Amino acid sequence: SMPRTRRHKSQQYTFYHLYNRVAGDPHDYPFEDPVAAQKFLSLCETYLDLYFCCLAAFELLGNHYHLVVFVEQFRELSWRELKQRARLRFGPLWRWRTRHWSRSRWEQFNRDLFDVSCFMQHVNGEFSKWFNRRYHRRGPFWADRFKNSELLDLEAVQTAILYVELNAVRAGLVQRPEDYRMGSAHWRWSGQQSARLIPLEQLFPAEKGEDSFTLYRALLYHRGAVVTQANQAVIPDWILQDEEARGFARPGALRQRLRCLTDGVAMGGGEQVRRLLEHYRREGHYARRKNPIPQLGTLFSLREQRSHAFSPG
């Protein structure tokens, strides 16, 4: 069998759009079970506390999930910090579980805490074991490795958040994104668990006298062609003008499924994607010519190599 290609991961702090789908019958919807959905979210929260990751957005649909996470840049932790994380990882038995760890093993543990793959292996692995055991299911739970598209700038991050939170609207499950209970838009509107999310002030910094929630809501409604409710202010003209200038003149740009947001290696401005592409060309990961692919508005994406050559996908 073909060896697995190396997964693309940034060596600096970055945002990722993470996605995976359940194996088996496409009409099997395990996340429609509230118990299973809550279990998945609780595992995410547990491992977000362990790893140096923060959650920006999520949506659980019947047979797949989307997460937008921020992963901090690697740094060497103090002995005290390492012990704190080991306690989070192993609980009261942490001293016993780490008693034979060498210096290199502690160094590996330090690196793992900043690795998006280790974070997702824990979430996906723990959930699949729990689900198979609880429902007497056998075989692989996930259809494939999770996908991790790097988001190279703030516009890419914002687009991924809006796309993720419009999933239930796109699927026809609700008319308004905030009405879907297994999505971060519902958390933001209700305010009950919004503390688990990166503050909107960091994700949608507002100008021109508007607050971040107004900007975020306006962009979400515009990109999703969601009708503004009677008791809400209409989408401000300056936001519509900015959207038009960036190529989003018509509402509903995110109402269709976009593979570039789930299957690509990275997304961002043309210059950022070009620099990443040149880096991978120098390292020999692309055997065939690749160019940044124009996508939404002013965004570009990088697709993985479609050959037997080593690729960053």
C-alpha atoms as a PDB file:
ATOM      1  CA  SER A   1       0.000   0.000   0.000  1.00  0.00           C
ATOM      2  CA  MET A   2       1.061   3.598  -0.557  1.00  0.00           C
ATOM      3  CA  PRO A   3       2.760   5.264   2.430  1.00  0.00           C
ATOM      4  CA  ARG A   4       0.812   8.051   4.069  1.00  0.00           C
ATOM      5  CA  THR A   5       1.721  11.507   2.897  1.00  0.00           C
ATOM      6  CA  ARG A   6       2.999  13.905   5.496  1.00  0.00           C
ATOM      7  CA  ARG A   7       0.341  16.144   6.963  1.00  0.00           C
ATOM      8  CA  HIS A   8       0.784  19.884   6.455  1.00  0.00           C
ATOM      9  CA  LYS A   9       1.273  21.651   9.780  1.00  0.00           C
ATOM     10  CA  SER A  10       2.576  25.122  10.453  1.00  0.00           C
ATOM     11  CA  GLN A  11       5.623  25.621  12.649  1.00  0.00           C
ATOM     12  CA  GLN A  12       4.152  28.903  13.906  1.00  0.00           C
ATOM     13  CA  TYR A  13       0.902  29.821  15.602  1.00  0.00           C
ATOM     14  CA  THR A  14      -1.979  29.353  13.210  1.00  0.00           C
ATOM     15  CA  PHE A  15      -5.652  28.627  12.704  1.00  0.00           C
ATOM     16  CA  TYR A  16      -6.898  25.383  11.161  1.00  0.00           C
ATOM     17  CA  HIS A  17     -10.217  24.317   9.714  1.00  0.00           C
ATOM     18  CA  LEU A  18     -10.579  20.684  10.842  1.00  0.00           C
ATOM     19  CA  TYR A  19     -13.071  18.293   9.284  1.00  0.00           C
ATOM     20  CA  ASN A  20     -13.921  14.596   9.407  1.00  0.00           C
ATOM     21  CA  ARG A  21     -16.750  12.315   8.372  1.00  0.00           C
ATOM     22  CA  VAL A  22     -18.126   9.086   9.873  1.00  0.00           C
ATOM     23  CA  ALA A  23     -17.466   5.806   8.047  1.00  0.00           C
ATOM     24  CA  GLY A  24     -20.188   3.457   6.830  1.00  0.00           C
ATOM     25  CA  ASP A  25     -23.682   4.139   5.584  1.00  0.00           C
ATOM     26  CA  PRO A  26     -23.969   7.816   4.487  1.00  0.00           C
ATOM     27  CA  HIS A  27     -27.476   7.849   6.009  1.00  0.00           C
ATOM     28  CA  ASP A  28     -26.150   6.899   9.443  1.00  0.00           C
ATOM     29  CA  TYR A  29     -26.188  10.051  11.590  1.00  0.00           C
ATOM     30  CA  PRO A  30     -24.539   9.346  14.966  1.00  0.00           C
ATOM     31  CA  PHE A  31     -24.297  13.044  15.915  1.00  0.00           C
ATOM     32  CA  GLU A  32     -28.089  13.354  15.794  1.00  0.00           C
ATOM     33  CA  ASP A  33     -28.020  11.528  19.128  1.00  0.00           C
ATOM     34  CA  PRO A  34     -27.697  14.354  21.707  1.00  0.00           C
ATOM     35  CA  VAL A  35     -25.721  12.074  24.037  1.00  0.00           C
ATOM     36  CA  ALA A  36     -23.128  11.367  21.334  1.00  0.00           C
ATOM     37  CA  ALA A  37     -22.943  15.010  20.284  1.00  0.00           C
ATOM     38  CA  GLN A  38     -22.424  16.171  23.878  1.00  0.00           C
ATOM     39  CA  LYS A  39     -19.773  13.499  24.401  1.00  0.00           C
ATOM     40  CA  PHE A  40     -17.832  14.710  21.356  1.00  0.00           C
ATOM     41  CA  LEU A  41     -18.016  18.318  22.535  1.00  0.00           C
ATOM     42  CA  SER A  42     -16.973  17.395  26.079  1.00  0.00           C
ATOM     43  CA  LEU A  43     -13.929  15.545  24.690  1.00  0.00           C
ATOM     44  CA  CYS A  44     -13.065  18.625  22.623  1.00  0.00           C
ATOM     45  CA  GLU A  45     -13.260  20.770  25.749  1.00  0.00           C
ATOM     46  CA  THR A  46     -11.147  18.318  27.770  1.00  0.00           C
ATOM     47  CA  TYR A  47      -8.354  18.277  25.201  1.00  0.00           C
ATOM     48  CA  LEU A  48      -8.550  22.004  24.468  1.00  0.00           C
ATOM     49  CA  ASP A  49      -7.647  22.428  28.152  1.00  0.00           C
ATOM     50  CA  LEU A  50      -4.707  20.029  27.760  1.00  0.00           C
ATOM     51  CA  TYR A  51      -3.292  21.262  24.451  1.00  0.00           C
ATOM     52  CA  PHE A  52      -2.322  24.801  23.557  1.00  0.00           C
ATOM     53  CA  CYS A  53      -5.380  25.159  21.341  1.00  0.00           C
ATOM     54  CA  CYS A  54      -8.422  27.427  21.402  1.00  0.00           C
ATOM     55  CA  LEU A  55     -11.791  26.946  19.713  1.00  0.00           C
ATOM     56  CA  ALA A  56     -13.024  29.612  17.289  1.00  0.00           C
ATOM     57  CA  ALA A  57     -16.054  27.811  15.795  1.00  0.00           C
ATOM     58  CA  PHE A  58     -17.654  24.379  15.459  1.00  0.00           C
ATOM     59  CA  GLU A  59     -20.645  22.597  13.994  1.00  0.00           C
ATOM     60  CA  LEU A  60     -21.705  18.975  14.452  1.00  0.00           C
ATOM     61  CA  LEU A  61     -23.866  17.666  11.637  1.00  0.00           C
ATOM     62  CA  GLY A  62     -25.395  14.179  11.513  1.00  0.00           C
ATOM     63  CA  ASN A  63     -22.346  12.337  10.156  1.00  0.00           C
ATOM     64  CA  HIS A  64     -19.500  14.874  10.209  1.00  0.00           C
ATOM     65  CA  TYR A  65     -17.992  17.749  12.143  1.00  0.00           C
ATOM     66  CA  HIS A  66     -16.235  21.043  11.460  1.00  0.00           C
ATOM     67  CA  LEU A  67     -13.902  22.765  13.921  1.00  0.00           C
ATOM     68  CA  VAL A  68     -11.939  26.000  13.572  1.00  0.00           C
ATOM     69  CA  VAL A  69      -9.106  26.016  16.108  1.00  0.00           C
ATOM     70  CA  PHE A  70      -6.162  28.242  16.946  1.00  0.00           C
ATOM     71  CA  VAL A  71      -2.906  26.454  17.792  1.00  0.00           C
ATOM     72  CA  GLU A  72      -0.202  28.369  19.623  1.00  0.00           C
ATOM     73  CA  GLN A  73       3.374  28.458  18.373  1.00  0.00           C
ATOM     74  CA  PHE A  74       5.659  25.880  20.007  1.00  0.00           C
ATOM     75  CA  ARG A  75       7.679  26.983  23.016  1.00  0.00           C
ATOM     76  CA  GLU A  76       9.697  25.145  25.618  1.00  0.00           C
ATOM     77  CA  LEU A  77       7.656  24.806  28.784  1.00  0.00           C
ATOM     78  CA  SER A  78       9.010  25.050  32.302  1.00  0.00           C
ATOM     79  CA  TRP A  79       9.137  21.952  34.475  1.00  0.00           C
ATOM     80  CA  ARG A  80       6.210  23.330  36.458  1.00  0.00           C
ATOM     81  CA  GLU A  81       4.133  23.808  33.290  1.00  0.00           C
ATOM     82  CA  LEU A  82       4.974  20.301  32.081  1.00  0.00           C
ATOM     83  CA  LYS A  83       3.861  18.803  35.397  1.00  0.00           C
ATOM     84  CA  GLN A  84       0.595  20.748  35.222  1.00  0.00           C
ATOM     85  CA  ARG A  85      -0.109  19.387  31.738  1.00  0.00           C
ATOM     86  CA  ALA A  86       0.857  15.849  32.754  1.00  0.00           C
ATOM     87  CA  ARG A  87      -1.635  16.130  35.618  1.00  0.00           C
ATOM     88  CA  LEU A  88      -4.317  17.197  33.125  1.00  0.00           C
ATOM     89  CA  ARG A  89      -3.382  14.307  30.838  1.00  0.00           C
ATOM     90  CA  PHE A  90      -3.201  11.485  33.386  1.00  0.00           C
ATOM     91  CA  GLY A  91      -5.058  12.762  36.434  1.00  0.00           C
ATOM     92  CA  PRO A  92      -4.040  11.644  39.950  1.00  0.00           C
ATOM     93  CA  LEU A  93      -1.863   8.881  38.470  1.00  0.00           C
ATOM     94  CA  TRP A  94       0.340  11.281  36.544  1.00  0.00           C
ATOM     95  CA  ARG A  95       3.461  10.655  38.705  1.00  0.00           C
ATOM     96  CA  TRP A  96       3.088   6.893  38.303  1.00  0.00           C
ATOM     97  CA  ARG A  97       2.408   7.150  34.549  1.00  0.00           C
ATOM     98  CA  THR A  98       5.468   9.327  33.925  1.00  0.00           C
ATOM     99  CA  ARG A  99       7.851   7.752  36.438  1.00  0.00           C
ATOM    100  CA  HIS A 100      10.048   6.145  33.746  1.00  0.00           C
ATOM    101  CA  TRP A 101       9.972   9.038  31.287  1.00  0.00           C
ATOM    102  CA  SER A 102      13.383  10.092  30.030  1.00  0.00           C
ATOM    103  CA  ARG A 103      14.316  13.668  29.238  1.00  0.00           C
ATOM    104  CA  SER A 104      13.633  13.036  25.538  1.00  0.00           C
ATOM    105  CA  ARG A 105      10.177  11.647  26.387  1.00  0.00           C
ATOM    106  CA  TRP A 106       9.326  14.819  28.316  1.00  0.00           C
ATOM    107  CA  GLU A 107      10.607  16.875  25.365  1.00  0.00           C
ATOM    108  CA  GLN A 108       8.324  14.898  23.046  1.00  0.00           C
ATOM    109  CA  PHE A 109       5.398  15.492  25.406  1.00  0.00           C
ATOM    110  CA  ASN A 110       6.218  19.224  25.261  1.00  0.00           C
ATOM    111  CA  ARG A 111       6.162  19.183  21.438  1.00  0.00           C
ATOM    112  CA  ASP A 112       2.946  17.159  21.310  1.00  0.00           C
ATOM    113  CA  LEU A 113       1.092  19.802  23.341  1.00  0.00           C
ATOM    114  CA  PHE A 114       1.434  22.200  20.376  1.00  0.00           C
ATOM    115  CA  ASP A 115       0.605  19.622  17.693  1.00  0.00           C
ATOM    116  CA  VAL A 116      -2.838  19.700  16.074  1.00  0.00           C
ATOM    117  CA  SER A 117      -2.488  16.025  15.057  1.00  0.00           C
ATOM    118  CA  CYS A 118      -2.012  14.913  18.668  1.00  0.00           C
ATOM    119  CA  PHE A 119      -5.024  16.984  19.729  1.00  0.00           C
ATOM    120  CA  MET A 120      -7.236  15.419  17.041  1.00  0.00           C
ATOM    121  CA  GLN A 121      -5.922  11.890  17.619  1.00  0.00           C
ATOM    122  CA  HIS A 122      -7.090  12.168  21.207  1.00  0.00           C
ATOM    123  CA  VAL A 123     -10.512  13.626  20.337  1.00  0.00           C
ATOM    124  CA  ASN A 124     -11.210  11.293  17.409  1.00  0.00           C
ATOM    125  CA  GLY A 125      -9.709   8.236  19.070  1.00  0.00           C
ATOM    126  CA  GLU A 126     -11.437   8.653  22.426  1.00  0.00           C
ATOM    127  CA  PHE A 127     -14.773   9.365  20.784  1.00  0.00           C
ATOM    128  CA  SER A 128     -14.656   6.379  18.419  1.00  0.00           C
ATOM    129  CA  LYS A 129     -13.774   4.018  21.291  1.00  0.00           C
ATOM    130  CA  TRP A 130     -16.574   5.441  23.431  1.00  0.00           C
ATOM    131  CA  PHE A 131     -19.157   5.280  20.633  1.00  0.00           C
ATOM    132  CA  ASN A 132     -18.291   1.724  19.537  1.00  0.00           C
ATOM    133  CA  ARG A 133     -18.368   0.498  23.122  1.00  0.00           C
ATOM    134  CA  ARG A 134     -21.635   2.244  24.030  1.00  0.00           C
ATOM    135  CA  TYR A 135     -23.538   1.229  20.892  1.00  0.00           C
ATOM    136  CA  HIS A 136     -21.892  -2.182  20.376  1.00  0.00           C
ATOM    137  CA  ARG A 137     -20.463  -1.069  17.059  1.00  0.00           C
ATOM    138  CA  ARG A 138     -17.397  -2.642  15.434  1.00  0.00           C
ATOM    139  CA  GLY A 139     -14.848  -1.407  12.927  1.00  0.00           C
ATOM    140  CA  PRO A 140     -13.327   1.999  12.150  1.00  0.00           C
ATOM    141  CA  PHE A 141     -15.580   4.870  13.159  1.00  0.00           C
ATOM    142  CA  TRP A 142     -14.035   7.587  10.954  1.00  0.00           C
ATOM    143  CA  ALA A 143     -14.006   7.339   7.155  1.00  0.00           C
ATOM    144  CA  ASP A 144     -10.488   8.751   6.790  1.00  0.00           C
ATOM    145  CA  ARG A 145      -7.863  10.881   8.440  1.00  0.00           C
ATOM    146  CA  PHE A 146      -9.181  14.249   9.524  1.00  0.00           C
ATOM    147  CA  LYS A 147      -8.530  17.134   7.130  1.00  0.00           C
ATOM    148  CA  ASN A 148      -6.682  20.221   8.337  1.00  0.00           C
ATOM    149  CA  SER A 149      -6.673  23.268   6.099  1.00  0.00           C
ATOM    150  CA  GLU A 150      -4.425  26.028   7.404  1.00  0.00           C
ATOM    151  CA  LEU A 151      -5.974  29.506   7.477  1.00  0.00           C
ATOM    152  CA  LEU A 152      -3.226  31.957   6.665  1.00  0.00           C
ATOM    153  CA  ASP A 153      -4.819  35.318   7.446  1.00  0.00           C
ATOM    154  CA  LEU A 154      -7.753  36.900   9.249  1.00  0.00           C
ATOM    155  CA  GLU A 155      -9.998  36.956   6.160  1.00  0.00           C
ATOM    156  CA  ALA A 156      -9.499  33.212   5.696  1.00  0.00           C
ATOM    157  CA  VAL A 157     -10.260  32.634   9.399  1.00  0.00           C
ATOM    158  CA  GLN A 158     -13.432  34.700   9.206  1.00  0.00           C
ATOM    159  CA  THR A 159     -14.598  32.951   6.025  1.00  0.00           C
ATOM    160  CA  ALA A 160     -14.024  29.512   7.579  1.00  0.00           C
ATOM    161  CA  ILE A 161     -15.943  30.495  10.737  1.00  0.00           C
ATOM    162  CA  LEU A 162     -18.893  31.801   8.703  1.00  0.00           C
ATOM    163  CA  TYR A 163     -18.840  28.733   6.440  1.00  0.00           C
ATOM    164  CA  VAL A 164     -18.802  26.358   9.427  1.00  0.00           C
ATOM    165  CA  GLU A 165     -21.620  28.148  11.242  1.00  0.00           C
ATOM    166  CA  LEU A 166     -23.790  28.145   8.096  1.00  0.00           C
ATOM    167  CA  ASN A 167     -23.601  24.352   7.680  1.00  0.00           C
ATOM    168  CA  ALA A 168     -26.992  23.669   9.237  1.00  0.00           C
ATOM    169  CA  VAL A 169     -28.581  26.443   7.135  1.00  0.00           C
ATOM    170  CA  ARG A 170     -26.951  25.000   4.009  1.00  0.00           C
ATOM    171  CA  ALA A 171     -28.303  21.544   4.897  1.00  0.00           C
ATOM    172  CA  GLY A 172     -31.834  22.916   5.358  1.00  0.00           C
ATOM    173  CA  LEU A 173     -31.970  21.964   9.050  1.00  0.00           C
ATOM    174  CA  VAL A 174     -32.652  25.517  10.262  1.00  0.00           C
ATOM    175  CA  GLN A 175     -33.300  28.887   8.683  1.00  0.00           C
ATOM    176  CA  ARG A 176     -31.078  30.822  11.078  1.00  0.00           C
ATOM    177  CA  PRO A 177     -27.592  29.657  12.130  1.00  0.00           C
ATOM    178  CA  GLU A 178     -28.142  30.587  15.779  1.00  0.00           C
ATOM    179  CA  ASP A 179     -31.081  28.157  15.997  1.00  0.00           C
ATOM    180  CA  TYR A 180     -28.869  25.099  15.465  1.00  0.00           C
ATOM    181  CA  ARG A 181     -27.965  23.925  18.964  1.00  0.00           C
ATOM    182  CA  MET A 182     -24.872  21.929  17.965  1.00  0.00           C
ATOM    183  CA  GLY A 183     -23.066  24.919  16.517  1.00  0.00           C
ATOM    184  CA  SER A 184     -21.001  27.786  17.865  1.00  0.00           C
ATOM    185  CA  ALA A 185     -23.438  30.424  16.538  1.00  0.00           C
ATOM    186  CA  HIS A 186     -25.954  29.136  19.096  1.00  0.00           C
ATOM    187  CA  TRP A 187     -23.309  29.451  21.822  1.00  0.00           C
ATOM    188  CA  ARG A 188     -22.576  33.044  20.807  1.00  0.00           C
ATOM    189  CA  TRP A 189     -26.248  34.076  20.693  1.00  0.00           C
ATOM    190  CA  SER A 190     -27.197  32.354  23.966  1.00  0.00           C
ATOM    191  CA  GLY A 191     -24.015  33.383  25.771  1.00  0.00           C
ATOM    192  CA  GLN A 192     -24.200  30.226  27.909  1.00  0.00           C
ATOM    193  CA  GLN A 193     -20.941  28.608  26.744  1.00  0.00           C
ATOM    194  CA  SER A 194     -19.465  31.424  24.683  1.00  0.00           C
ATOM    195  CA  ALA A 195     -16.567  31.649  27.158  1.00  0.00           C
ATOM    196  CA  ARG A 196     -15.255  28.436  25.564  1.00  0.00           C
ATOM    197  CA  LEU A 197     -14.854  30.315  22.265  1.00  0.00           C
ATOM    198  CA  ILE A 198     -12.230  32.842  21.176  1.00  0.00           C
ATOM    199  CA  PRO A 199     -13.827  36.292  21.747  1.00  0.00           C
ATOM    200  CA  LEU A 200     -15.398  37.863  18.670  1.00  0.00           C
ATOM    201  CA  GLU A 201     -13.338  41.017  19.322  1.00  0.00           C
ATOM    202  CA  GLN A 202     -10.258  39.023  18.271  1.00  0.00           C
ATOM    203  CA  LEU A 203     -11.902  37.284  15.319  1.00  0.00           C
ATOM    204  CA  PHE A 204     -13.980  40.159  13.906  1.00  0.00           C
ATOM    205  CA  PRO A 205     -12.310  43.399  15.001  1.00  0.00           C
ATOM    206  CA  ALA A 206     -14.842  46.145  14.289  1.00  0.00           C
ATOM    207  CA  GLU A 207     -14.346  49.656  12.994  1.00  0.00           C
ATOM    208  CA  LYS A 208     -16.533  52.652  12.195  1.00  0.00           C
ATOM    209  CA  GLY A 209     -18.301  52.624  15.541  1.00  0.00           C
ATOM    210  CA  GLU A 210     -19.770  49.115  15.233  1.00  0.00           C
ATOM    211  CA  ASP A 211     -19.235  46.343  17.778  1.00  0.00           C
ATOM    212  CA  SER A 212     -17.771  42.950  16.845  1.00  0.00           C
ATOM    213  CA  PHE A 213     -21.022  41.039  17.316  1.00  0.00           C
ATOM    214  CA  THR A 214     -22.832  43.366  14.894  1.00  0.00           C
ATOM    215  CA  LEU A 215     -20.066  42.896  12.302  1.00  0.00           C
ATOM    216  CA  TYR A 216     -19.991  39.114  12.761  1.00  0.00           C
ATOM    217  CA  ARG A 217     -23.790  38.776  12.607  1.00  0.00           C
ATOM    218  CA  ALA A 218     -23.999  40.989   9.513  1.00  0.00           C
ATOM    219  CA  LEU A 219     -21.334  38.979   7.682  1.00  0.00           C
ATOM    220  CA  LEU A 220     -22.930  35.695   8.737  1.00  0.00           C
ATOM    221  CA  TYR A 221     -26.365  36.764   7.517  1.00  0.00           C
ATOM    222  CA  HIS A 222     -25.011  38.264   4.286  1.00  0.00           C
ATOM    223  CA  ARG A 223     -22.815  35.278   3.348  1.00  0.00           C
ATOM    224  CA  GLY A 224     -25.652  32.910   4.244  1.00  0.00           C
ATOM    225  CA  ALA A 225     -28.468  34.936   2.688  1.00  0.00           C
ATOM    226  CA  VAL A 226     -30.238  34.890   6.064  1.00  0.00           C
ATOM    227  CA  VAL A 227     -33.120  37.358   6.294  1.00  0.00           C
ATOM    228  CA  THR A 228     -32.663  39.961   9.018  1.00  0.00           C
ATOM    229  CA  GLN A 229     -35.352  39.722  11.678  1.00  0.00           C
ATOM    230  CA  ALA A 230     -37.760  42.589  12.242  1.00  0.00           C
ATOM    231  CA  ASN A 231     -36.379  43.449  15.685  1.00  0.00           C
ATOM    232  CA  GLN A 232     -32.782  43.593  14.466  1.00  0.00           C
ATOM    233  CA  ALA A 233     -30.999  46.407  12.682  1.00  0.00           C
ATOM    234  CA  VAL A 234     -30.491  45.897   8.959  1.00  0.00           C
ATOM    235  CA  ILE A 235     -27.014  45.055   7.696  1.00  0.00           C
ATOM    236  CA  PRO A 236     -25.083  48.369   7.732  1.00  0.00           C
ATOM    237  CA  ASP A 237     -24.301  49.903   4.349  1.00  0.00           C
ATOM    238  CA  TRP A 238     -20.572  50.106   5.065  1.00  0.00           C
ATOM    239  CA  ILE A 239     -20.432  46.329   5.594  1.00  0.00           C
ATOM    240  CA  LEU A 240     -22.281  45.740   2.311  1.00  0.00           C
ATOM    241  CA  GLN A 241     -19.879  48.118   0.537  1.00  0.00           C
ATOM    242  CA  ASP A 242     -16.848  46.322   2.002  1.00  0.00           C
ATOM    243  CA  GLU A 243     -18.325  42.961   0.988  1.00  0.00           C
ATOM    244  CA  GLU A 244     -18.910  44.201  -2.564  1.00  0.00           C
ATOM    245  CA  ALA A 245     -15.339  45.513  -2.790  1.00  0.00           C
ATOM    246  CA  ARG A 246     -14.018  42.102  -1.762  1.00  0.00           C
ATOM    247  CA  GLY A 247     -16.141  40.177  -4.254  1.00  0.00           C
ATOM    248  CA  PHE A 248     -19.195  39.349  -2.124  1.00  0.00           C
ATOM    249  CA  ALA A 249     -21.719  41.687  -3.750  1.00  0.00           C
ATOM    250  CA  ARG A 250     -24.472  39.083  -3.834  1.00  0.00           C
ATOM    251  CA  PRO A 251     -25.707  37.504  -0.573  1.00  0.00           C
ATOM    252  CA  GLY A 252     -25.487  33.745  -0.101  1.00  0.00           C
ATOM    253  CA  ALA A 253     -21.880  33.139  -1.193  1.00  0.00           C
ATOM    254  CA  LEU A 254     -21.507  30.426   1.463  1.00  0.00           C
ATOM    255  CA  ARG A 255     -24.786  28.649   0.765  1.00  0.00           C
ATOM    256  CA  GLN A 256     -23.058  26.061  -1.420  1.00  0.00           C
ATOM    257  CA  ARG A 257     -20.565  23.415  -0.336  1.00  0.00           C
ATOM    258  CA  LEU A 258     -16.988  24.560  -0.899  1.00  0.00           C
ATOM    259  CA  ARG A 259     -14.343  21.848  -1.150  1.00  0.00           C
ATOM    260  CA  CYS A 260     -11.569  24.442  -0.946  1.00  0.00           C
ATOM    261  CA  LEU A 261     -12.496  25.020   2.711  1.00  0.00           C
ATOM    262  CA  THR A 262     -12.354  21.350   3.697  1.00  0.00           C
ATOM    263  CA  ASP A 263      -9.979  19.527   1.352  1.00  0.00           C
ATOM    264  CA  GLY A 264      -7.237  22.072   0.673  1.00  0.00           C
ATOM    265  CA  VAL A 265      -3.818  22.393   2.272  1.00  0.00           C
ATOM    266  CA  ALA A 266      -4.165  26.083   3.078  1.00  0.00           C
ATOM    267  CA  MET A 267      -6.207  29.199   2.346  1.00  0.00           C
ATOM    268  CA  GLY A 268      -5.372  32.882   2.560  1.00  0.00           C
ATOM    269  CA  GLY A 269      -4.297  35.908   0.565  1.00  0.00           C
ATOM    270  CA  GLY A 270      -2.438  35.329  -2.688  1.00  0.00           C
ATOM    271  CA  GLU A 271       0.956  36.325  -1.296  1.00  0.00           C
ATOM    272  CA  GLN A 272       0.705  34.074   1.787  1.00  0.00           C
ATOM    273  CA  VAL A 273      -0.343  31.063  -0.306  1.00  0.00           C
ATOM    274  CA  ARG A 274       2.410  31.758  -2.844  1.00  0.00           C
ATOM    275  CA  ARG A 275       5.067  31.863  -0.110  1.00  0.00           C
ATOM    276  CA  LEU A 276       3.838  28.559   1.330  1.00  0.00           C
ATOM    277  CA  LEU A 277       3.820  26.998  -2.133  1.00  0.00           C
ATOM    278  CA  GLU A 278       7.387  28.139  -2.841  1.00  0.00           C
ATOM    279  CA  HIS A 279       8.484  26.679   0.498  1.00  0.00           C
ATOM    280  CA  TYR A 280       7.064  23.279  -0.431  1.00  0.00           C
ATOM    281  CA  ARG A 281       8.520  23.437  -3.936  1.00  0.00           C
ATOM    282  CA  ARG A 282      11.992  24.064  -2.472  1.00  0.00           C
ATOM    283  CA  GLU A 283      11.550  21.038  -0.219  1.00  0.00           C
ATOM    284  CA  GLY A 284      10.548  18.910  -3.204  1.00  0.00           C
ATOM    285  CA  HIS A 285       7.012  18.127  -2.040  1.00  0.00           C
ATOM    286  CA  TYR A 286       5.405  19.124  -5.336  1.00  0.00           C
ATOM    287  CA  ALA A 287       6.522  17.136  -8.382  1.00  0.00           C
ATOM    288  CA  ARG A 288       4.112  18.979 -10.685  1.00  0.00           C
ATOM    289  CA  ARG A 289       3.610  22.682 -11.165  1.00  0.00           C
ATOM    290  CA  LYS A 290       1.061  24.196  -8.769  1.00  0.00           C
ATOM    291  CA  ASN A 291      -0.240  27.736  -8.475  1.00  0.00           C
ATOM    292  CA  PRO A 292      -2.439  29.467  -5.884  1.00  0.00           C
ATOM    293  CA  ILE A 293      -6.062  28.864  -6.884  1.00  0.00           C
ATOM    294  CA  PRO A 294      -8.424  31.887  -6.801  1.00  0.00           C
ATOM    295  CA  GLN A 295     -11.369  31.201  -4.525  1.00  0.00           C
ATOM    296  CA  LEU A 296     -13.803  33.422  -2.629  1.00  0.00           C
ATOM    297  CA  GLY A 297     -13.365  37.167  -2.901  1.00  0.00           C
ATOM    298  CA  THR A 298      -9.674  37.919  -2.488  1.00  0.00           C
ATOM    299  CA  LEU A 299      -8.789  34.476  -1.108  1.00  0.00           C
ATOM    300  CA  PHE A 300      -6.620  31.785  -2.689  1.00  0.00           C
ATOM    301  CA  SER A 301      -6.142  28.123  -1.805  1.00  0.00           C
ATOM    302  CA  LEU A 302      -3.393  25.530  -2.135  1.00  0.00           C
ATOM    303  CA  ARG A 303      -4.370  22.024  -3.164  1.00  0.00           C
ATOM    304  CA  GLU A 304      -2.288  18.980  -2.305  1.00  0.00           C
ATOM    305  CA  GLN A 305      -0.287  17.168  -4.962  1.00  0.00           C
ATOM    306  CA  ARG A 306      -2.423  14.692  -6.929  1.00  0.00           C
ATOM    307  CA  SER A 307       0.252  12.118  -7.684  1.00  0.00           C
ATOM    308  CA  HIS A 308       2.302   9.470  -5.944  1.00  0.00           C
ATOM    309  CA  ALA A 309       4.880  12.118  -5.078  1.00  0.00           C
ATOM    310  CA  PHE A 310       5.460  13.183  -1.521  1.00  0.00           C
ATOM    311  CA  SER A 311       2.879  15.845  -0.677  1.00  0.00           C
ATOM    312  CA  PRO A 312       2.074  18.059   2.307  1.00  0.00           C
ATOM    313  CA  GLY A 313      -1.570  17.022   2.463  1.00  0.00           C
END
